[in-house]
Amino acid sequence: MVLNRLQPTDLLSLRATSLTLHNLIHDSSRSLCIGLSDRVSVSHGLSHIPISLPDLSAFFTVSRRYMSACAVASIIAERLARHLSTMDLRADKSALEAWRKKKMLSLEKKLGRSLMILQLYLMFMLDNMNDNERSLEPLDDEEYTSLHNIFLFDEQEFLEHNMSALTETDFMDVTAAVEVFKLTCKARSLPFRMKSPAHPFISVRQLLVLKGLGPFTELLAKDAGLAQQEAILRRLGRSIGQSRRSSTMAGSDLPCPSLHALAGYWHDRNAFFDLKRNNRARDKFVSQQDIWDKSARALMMPKLDKAPETQSAAAWIRKICTQGEKDLKESDVLIGTWDQADAR
């Protein structure tokens, strides 16, 4: 009962205090993971998405990715709120700031949930690429890079079995959140799709696939200037080049790694980066991967018997800002130039 009330970091620290407690937590790992997963899922409105975790280390890694999704959502929502205004001419400066704060919290909540769903999808993408690389080993680099859509069916199957409860509204929310994320990266001078002369070491798209949303808490921070962003990208590029491992694997910053006996199946997988394939071919293959859109649309088509609707990022933001306020119309909300703001 006591263990079930502790946070993952506390469990990992407690495990390191004695062999008896280590064995107790190890023996209770499965039930503890179920309880922890339920708490995270329910608190973020994701109870309809099953999350199966083999051990506490895997849960710790996933929970860190959840926290990074929340952090990125908070950064983007705060940035958006600065550019929001209302057509209500009666609002003074303090009233406008209070209104922006309220809208920021609404945007943060909506973005957070959507980005968490995206995180789960990204984790599967990377694991799927790792698991299937060995079957593609006989292909030469040119053949390998030509198969950039080969995993779309696997990703659609993952969505169908693990996220089948997503509604059309959920689909629109996540799709719009991805677009808002892309535009925010663009506004912060972070190219999403392709490598640029300023960032030849790694593209933002590759970073998202290989590392998830975690690094973007640094890259999108308001005090991260262009020089600092370049330094962050260079550091991340080196870390990816030196240790090409699945980002779902537990990091080395766990308490007392020498006592880290809860290995879990993620730790035993052979990462596809261990194979002797040309790095340029592998990087190109990763950069060609579709993120969410094609797979999600393919899932929703049979459920809706029609093409799913889409919303522009600006329309989606206005919709969130008007929810819960009967007298406020979408046309009354001005967004400004948040997607074109100078990063400096």
Protein backbone atom coordinates (compact mmCIF):
# COMPACT_ATOMS: atom_id res chain seq x y z
CA MET A 1 0.00 0.00 0.00
CA VAL A 2 2.84 2.40 0.80
CA LEU A 3 4.69 1.63 -2.43
CA ASN A 4 1.55 2.24 -4.47
CA ARG A 5 1.38 5.80 -3.15
CA LEU A 6 4.95 6.74 -4.11
CA GLN A 7 6.09 8.57 -7.23
CA PRO A 8 8.40 6.74 -9.71
CA THR A 9 11.48 8.75 -8.69
CA ASP A 10 10.84 7.92 -5.03
CA LEU A 11 10.53 4.22 -5.85
CA LEU A 12 13.81 4.25 -7.75
CA SER A 13 15.57 6.01 -4.87
CA LEU A 14 14.01 3.73 -2.24
CA ARG A 15 15.10 0.70 -4.22
CA ALA A 16 18.74 1.75 -3.79
CA THR A 17 18.66 1.91 0.03
CA SER A 18 18.81 -1.81 0.82
CA LEU A 19 18.70 -5.23 -0.78
CA THR A 20 15.44 -6.04 1.01
CA LEU A 21 13.63 -2.99 -0.38
CA HIS A 22 15.23 -3.55 -3.77
CA ASN A 23 13.82 -7.09 -3.92
CA LEU A 24 10.42 -5.97 -2.62
CA ILE A 25 10.09 -3.33 -5.33
CA HIS A 26 11.44 -5.73 -7.96
CA ASP A 27 8.87 -8.40 -6.98
CA SER A 28 6.07 -5.79 -6.99
CA SER A 29 7.17 -4.17 -10.24
CA ARG A 30 4.29 -5.39 -12.42
CA SER A 31 1.50 -4.34 -10.07
CA LEU A 32 3.22 -1.02 -9.33
CA CYS A 33 3.46 -0.27 -13.06
CA ILE A 34 -0.24 -0.94 -13.53
CA GLY A 35 -1.15 1.45 -10.72
CA LEU A 36 1.26 4.15 -11.89
CA SER A 37 0.09 3.89 -15.50
CA ASP A 38 -3.53 4.20 -14.42
CA ARG A 39 -2.76 7.31 -12.37
CA VAL A 40 -0.96 9.00 -15.26
CA SER A 41 -3.60 8.02 -17.82
CA VAL A 42 -6.58 9.16 -15.75
CA SER A 43 -4.98 12.44 -14.66
CA HIS A 44 -4.36 13.40 -18.30
CA GLY A 45 -7.61 12.08 -19.77
CA LEU A 46 -5.87 9.24 -21.58
CA SER A 47 -7.57 6.30 -19.89
CA HIS A 48 -8.90 5.09 -23.26
CA ILE A 49 -5.34 4.53 -24.53
CA PRO A 50 -3.81 1.33 -23.09
CA ILE A 51 -0.20 1.62 -21.94
CA SER A 52 1.65 -1.63 -21.25
CA LEU A 53 4.91 -1.23 -19.32
CA PRO A 54 7.21 -4.11 -18.37
CA ASP A 55 8.97 -2.53 -15.39
CA LEU A 56 9.52 0.63 -13.38
CA SER A 57 12.44 1.77 -15.50
CA ALA A 58 10.25 1.70 -18.60
CA PHE A 59 7.57 3.58 -16.71
CA PHE A 60 10.11 6.15 -15.54
CA THR A 61 11.18 6.74 -19.16
CA VAL A 62 7.58 7.08 -20.36
CA SER A 63 6.66 9.39 -17.48
CA ARG A 64 9.60 11.64 -18.37
CA ARG A 65 8.26 11.82 -21.92
CA TYR A 66 4.83 12.72 -20.53
CA MET A 67 6.40 15.50 -18.50
CA SER A 68 8.30 16.80 -21.53
CA ALA A 69 5.05 16.91 -23.52
CA CYS A 70 3.49 19.00 -20.75
CA ALA A 71 6.53 21.29 -20.65
CA VAL A 72 6.49 21.86 -24.42
CA ALA A 73 2.73 22.51 -24.28
CA SER A 74 3.30 25.11 -21.56
CA ILE A 75 6.03 26.87 -23.57
CA ILE A 76 3.92 27.00 -26.74
CA ALA A 77 0.77 28.10 -24.89
CA GLU A 78 2.65 30.92 -23.15
CA ARG A 79 4.08 32.06 -26.48
CA LEU A 80 0.65 31.96 -28.13
CA ALA A 81 -1.03 33.85 -25.30
CA ARG A 82 1.35 36.80 -25.73
CA HIS A 83 -0.04 37.29 -29.24
CA LEU A 84 -3.73 36.93 -28.34
CA SER A 85 -6.05 39.87 -28.05
CA THR A 86 -9.80 40.47 -28.08
CA MET A 87 -11.99 42.88 -29.99
CA ASP A 88 -13.53 43.98 -26.69
CA LEU A 89 -12.41 47.63 -26.54
CA ARG A 90 -13.56 47.96 -22.91
CA ALA A 91 -10.77 45.69 -21.64
CA ASP A 92 -7.90 47.58 -20.01
CA LYS A 93 -4.35 46.29 -19.77
CA SER A 94 -4.87 44.29 -16.56
CA ALA A 95 -8.10 42.78 -17.85
CA LEU A 96 -6.38 41.81 -21.09
CA GLU A 97 -3.52 40.14 -19.21
CA ALA A 98 -6.01 38.20 -17.06
CA TRP A 99 -7.88 37.13 -20.20
CA ARG A 100 -4.63 36.00 -21.83
CA LYS A 101 -3.70 34.00 -18.71
CA LYS A 102 -7.04 32.22 -18.82
CA LYS A 103 -6.64 31.41 -22.51
CA MET A 104 -3.07 30.24 -21.94
CA LEU A 105 -4.29 27.65 -19.43
CA SER A 106 -6.94 26.42 -21.88
CA LEU A 107 -4.40 26.14 -24.67
CA GLU A 108 -1.89 24.42 -22.39
CA LYS A 109 -4.43 21.78 -21.33
CA LYS A 110 -5.50 21.04 -24.89
CA LEU A 111 -1.98 21.04 -26.28
CA GLY A 112 -0.67 18.91 -23.40
CA ARG A 113 -3.13 16.08 -23.98
CA SER A 114 -2.58 16.14 -27.75
CA LEU A 115 1.21 16.20 -27.46
CA MET A 116 1.10 13.27 -25.02
CA ILE A 117 -0.75 11.23 -27.65
CA LEU A 118 1.88 12.32 -30.17
CA GLN A 119 4.64 11.20 -27.77
CA LEU A 120 3.18 7.69 -27.55
CA TYR A 121 3.01 7.57 -31.34
CA LEU A 122 6.63 8.75 -31.70
CA MET A 123 7.80 6.14 -29.21
CA PHE A 124 6.16 3.41 -31.27
CA MET A 125 7.63 4.82 -34.50
CA LEU A 126 11.16 4.56 -33.17
CA ASP A 127 10.70 1.11 -31.65
CA ASN A 128 9.11 -0.06 -34.89
CA MET A 129 12.06 1.23 -36.93
CA ASN A 130 14.48 -0.49 -34.55
CA ASP A 131 12.64 -3.80 -34.62
CA ASN A 132 12.32 -3.96 -38.39
CA GLU A 133 15.78 -2.76 -39.39
CA ARG A 134 17.32 -6.22 -39.30
CA SER A 135 14.90 -7.50 -41.94
CA LEU A 136 16.01 -4.62 -44.19
CA GLU A 137 19.73 -5.27 -43.65
CA PRO A 138 20.26 -7.03 -47.03
CA LEU A 139 19.11 -3.89 -48.89
CA ASP A 140 21.70 -1.44 -50.10
CA ASP A 141 21.47 2.22 -49.03
CA GLU A 142 19.57 3.34 -52.13
CA GLU A 143 16.97 0.60 -51.79
CA TYR A 144 16.70 1.29 -48.07
CA THR A 145 16.00 5.00 -48.47
CA SER A 146 13.39 4.32 -51.18
CA LEU A 147 11.24 2.45 -48.62
CA HIS A 148 10.47 5.50 -46.47
CA ASN A 149 6.74 4.66 -46.41
CA ILE A 150 7.24 1.01 -45.51
CA PHE A 151 6.20 1.47 -41.87
CA LEU A 152 2.95 3.35 -42.50
CA PHE A 153 0.86 0.17 -42.31
CA ASP A 154 2.51 -0.82 -39.02
CA GLU A 155 1.83 2.63 -37.61
CA GLN A 156 -1.79 2.47 -38.75
CA GLU A 157 -2.13 -0.91 -37.04
CA PHE A 158 -0.65 0.55 -33.87
CA LEU A 159 -3.17 3.39 -33.94
CA GLU A 160 -6.01 0.97 -34.60
CA HIS A 161 -5.14 -1.33 -31.71
CA ASN A 162 -3.88 1.20 -29.17
CA MET A 163 -5.73 4.40 -30.04
CA SER A 164 -8.93 3.13 -31.63
CA ALA A 165 -10.96 5.10 -29.06
CA LEU A 166 -9.75 8.40 -30.51
CA THR A 167 -12.67 10.40 -31.88
CA GLU A 168 -12.74 12.75 -34.84
CA THR A 169 -12.30 15.60 -32.37
CA ASP A 170 -9.23 13.89 -30.91
CA PHE A 171 -7.84 13.42 -34.38
CA MET A 172 -8.36 17.09 -35.22
CA ASP A 173 -6.83 18.17 -31.91
CA VAL A 174 -3.63 16.15 -32.34
CA THR A 175 -3.29 17.09 -36.01
CA ALA A 176 -3.74 20.78 -35.20
CA ALA A 177 -1.32 20.50 -32.24
CA VAL A 178 1.32 19.04 -34.57
CA GLU A 179 0.79 21.98 -36.94
CA VAL A 180 1.06 24.47 -34.06
CA PHE A 181 4.27 22.74 -32.97
CA LYS A 182 5.72 23.00 -36.50
CA LEU A 183 4.83 26.68 -36.76
CA THR A 184 6.33 27.39 -33.35
CA CYS A 185 9.57 25.71 -34.44
CA LYS A 186 9.53 27.84 -37.59
CA ALA A 187 8.97 30.99 -35.55
CA ARG A 188 11.96 30.08 -33.41
CA SER A 189 14.12 29.66 -36.54
CA LEU A 190 14.21 25.86 -36.20
CA PRO A 191 13.74 24.24 -39.64
CA PHE A 192 11.46 21.22 -39.24
CA ARG A 193 11.70 19.25 -42.46
CA MET A 194 15.15 19.66 -43.91
CA LYS A 195 18.66 20.40 -42.72
CA SER A 196 19.75 24.00 -43.16
CA PRO A 197 23.22 25.54 -43.55
CA ALA A 198 22.90 26.86 -39.99
CA HIS A 199 22.15 23.38 -38.58
CA PRO A 200 24.04 20.86 -40.76
CA PHE A 201 24.47 18.38 -37.91
CA ILE A 202 20.85 17.33 -37.42
CA SER A 203 17.42 18.33 -38.67
CA VAL A 204 14.60 19.16 -36.30
CA ARG A 205 12.48 16.47 -37.90
CA GLN A 206 15.12 13.82 -37.17
CA LEU A 207 15.40 15.10 -33.63
CA LEU A 208 11.65 14.70 -33.11
CA VAL A 209 11.63 11.11 -34.41
CA LEU A 210 14.77 9.99 -32.58
CA LYS A 211 14.43 11.92 -29.31
CA GLY A 212 10.75 12.85 -28.99
CA LEU A 213 9.61 16.19 -27.60
CA GLY A 214 12.07 16.29 -24.69
CA PRO A 215 14.81 18.40 -26.36
CA PHE A 216 12.27 21.04 -27.40
CA THR A 217 11.88 22.23 -23.82
CA GLU A 218 15.36 23.71 -24.35
CA LEU A 219 15.09 24.63 -28.00
CA LEU A 220 11.78 26.52 -27.70
CA ALA A 221 12.54 28.26 -24.40
CA LYS A 222 12.06 32.03 -24.66
CA ASP A 223 15.60 32.74 -23.43
CA ALA A 224 17.25 30.33 -25.90
CA GLY A 225 18.78 32.58 -28.55
CA LEU A 226 19.99 31.39 -31.93
CA ALA A 227 23.53 30.74 -30.69
CA GLN A 228 22.26 28.66 -27.77
CA GLN A 229 19.84 26.75 -30.01
CA GLU A 230 22.70 25.94 -32.37
CA ALA A 231 24.80 24.71 -29.45
CA ILE A 232 21.91 22.52 -28.25
CA LEU A 233 21.40 21.05 -31.71
CA ARG A 234 25.13 20.39 -32.07
CA ARG A 235 25.21 18.61 -28.71
CA LEU A 236 22.15 16.54 -29.55
CA GLY A 237 23.59 15.73 -32.96
CA ARG A 238 26.77 14.38 -31.35
CA SER A 239 24.82 12.33 -28.80
CA ILE A 240 22.73 10.74 -31.53
CA GLY A 241 25.80 9.98 -33.62
CA GLN A 242 27.74 8.46 -30.73
CA SER A 243 24.97 6.36 -29.19
CA ARG A 244 22.19 5.52 -31.59
CA ARG A 245 19.76 3.84 -29.24
CA SER A 246 16.01 3.81 -28.92
CA SER A 247 14.81 6.86 -27.00
CA THR A 248 12.42 4.62 -25.05
CA MET A 249 15.37 3.05 -23.24
CA ALA A 250 16.07 4.23 -19.71
CA GLY A 251 18.82 6.82 -19.41
CA SER A 252 21.96 6.62 -17.30
CA ASP A 253 20.72 9.27 -14.89
CA LEU A 254 18.67 6.81 -12.86
CA PRO A 255 19.57 6.59 -9.17
CA CYS A 256 22.25 3.97 -8.46
CA PRO A 257 22.52 2.42 -11.93
CA SER A 258 24.64 -0.40 -10.45
CA LEU A 259 21.51 -1.66 -8.67
CA HIS A 260 19.44 -1.28 -11.82
CA ALA A 261 18.23 -4.88 -12.06
CA LEU A 262 14.83 -4.13 -13.58
CA ALA A 263 16.10 -4.59 -17.10
CA GLY A 264 12.85 -4.88 -19.07
CA TYR A 265 12.49 -5.94 -22.65
CA TRP A 266 13.40 -2.50 -24.03
CA HIS A 267 16.94 -2.90 -22.69
CA ASP A 268 17.50 -6.19 -24.50
CA ARG A 269 16.53 -5.05 -27.97
CA ASN A 270 19.16 -4.64 -30.65
CA ALA A 271 18.92 -1.04 -31.81
CA PHE A 272 18.95 -0.70 -35.59
CA PHE A 273 21.76 1.87 -35.30
CA ASP A 274 24.19 -0.93 -34.46
CA LEU A 275 24.07 -2.18 -38.04
CA LYS A 276 26.73 -1.16 -40.53
CA ARG A 277 24.61 1.10 -42.67
CA ASN A 278 25.73 4.43 -44.05
CA ASN A 279 24.76 7.16 -41.59
CA ARG A 280 23.61 9.47 -44.38
CA ALA A 281 21.22 6.82 -45.70
CA ARG A 282 19.85 6.19 -42.23
CA ASP A 283 19.45 9.89 -41.50
CA LYS A 284 17.67 10.41 -44.81
CA PHE A 285 15.36 7.49 -44.06
CA VAL A 286 14.47 8.94 -40.65
CA SER A 287 13.92 12.42 -42.07
CA GLN A 288 11.48 11.00 -44.65
CA GLN A 289 9.21 9.41 -42.04
CA ASP A 290 5.67 10.76 -41.86
CA ILE A 291 4.73 12.08 -38.46
CA TRP A 292 1.16 11.27 -37.51
CA ASP A 293 -0.79 12.75 -40.42
CA LYS A 294 -0.93 9.94 -43.01
CA SER A 295 -1.41 7.15 -40.49
CA ALA A 296 -4.02 9.05 -38.50
CA ARG A 297 -6.00 9.92 -41.63
CA ALA A 298 -5.89 6.30 -42.79
CA LEU A 299 -7.29 5.21 -39.42
CA MET A 300 -10.07 7.79 -39.38
CA MET A 301 -11.27 7.24 -42.97
CA PRO A 302 -13.08 3.92 -42.33
CA LYS A 303 -14.40 5.16 -38.97
CA LEU A 304 -16.00 8.25 -40.53
CA ASP A 305 -16.80 6.81 -43.99
CA LYS A 306 -15.42 10.06 -45.33
CA ALA A 307 -12.30 12.16 -45.37
CA PRO A 308 -11.76 13.63 -41.88
CA GLU A 309 -12.08 17.35 -41.51
CA THR A 310 -9.09 19.54 -40.88
CA GLN A 311 -8.63 22.91 -39.24
CA SER A 312 -5.91 25.47 -39.68
CA ALA A 313 -3.78 26.09 -36.62
CA ALA A 314 -5.22 29.61 -36.27
CA ALA A 315 -8.84 28.36 -36.48
CA TRP A 316 -8.11 25.66 -33.90
CA ILE A 317 -6.60 28.21 -31.51
CA ARG A 318 -9.59 30.53 -31.91
CA LYS A 319 -11.94 27.63 -31.24
CA ILE A 320 -10.19 26.81 -27.95
CA CYS A 321 -10.23 30.48 -26.94
CA THR A 322 -13.99 30.77 -27.45
CA GLN A 323 -14.96 27.55 -25.67
CA GLY A 324 -16.87 28.23 -22.47
CA GLU A 325 -17.60 31.86 -23.31
CA LYS A 326 -21.05 32.29 -24.83
CA ASP A 327 -20.63 35.91 -25.88
CA LEU A 328 -17.20 35.44 -27.46
CA LYS A 329 -17.02 34.58 -31.15
CA GLU A 330 -14.05 33.21 -33.05
CA SER A 331 -13.95 36.43 -35.04
CA ASP A 332 -13.44 38.33 -31.78
CA VAL A 333 -10.09 36.65 -31.11
CA LEU A 334 -6.99 38.06 -32.78
CA ILE A 335 -3.88 35.87 -32.85
CA GLY A 336 -1.31 38.28 -34.21
CA THR A 337 1.84 37.02 -35.90
CA TRP A 338 2.83 34.27 -33.49
CA ASP A 339 3.94 31.95 -36.29
CA GLN A 340 6.16 34.60 -37.89
CA ALA A 341 7.67 36.20 -34.78
CA ASP A 342 11.36 36.99 -34.86
CA ALA A 343 13.20 34.48 -32.67
CA ARG A 344 15.61 37.19 -31.56
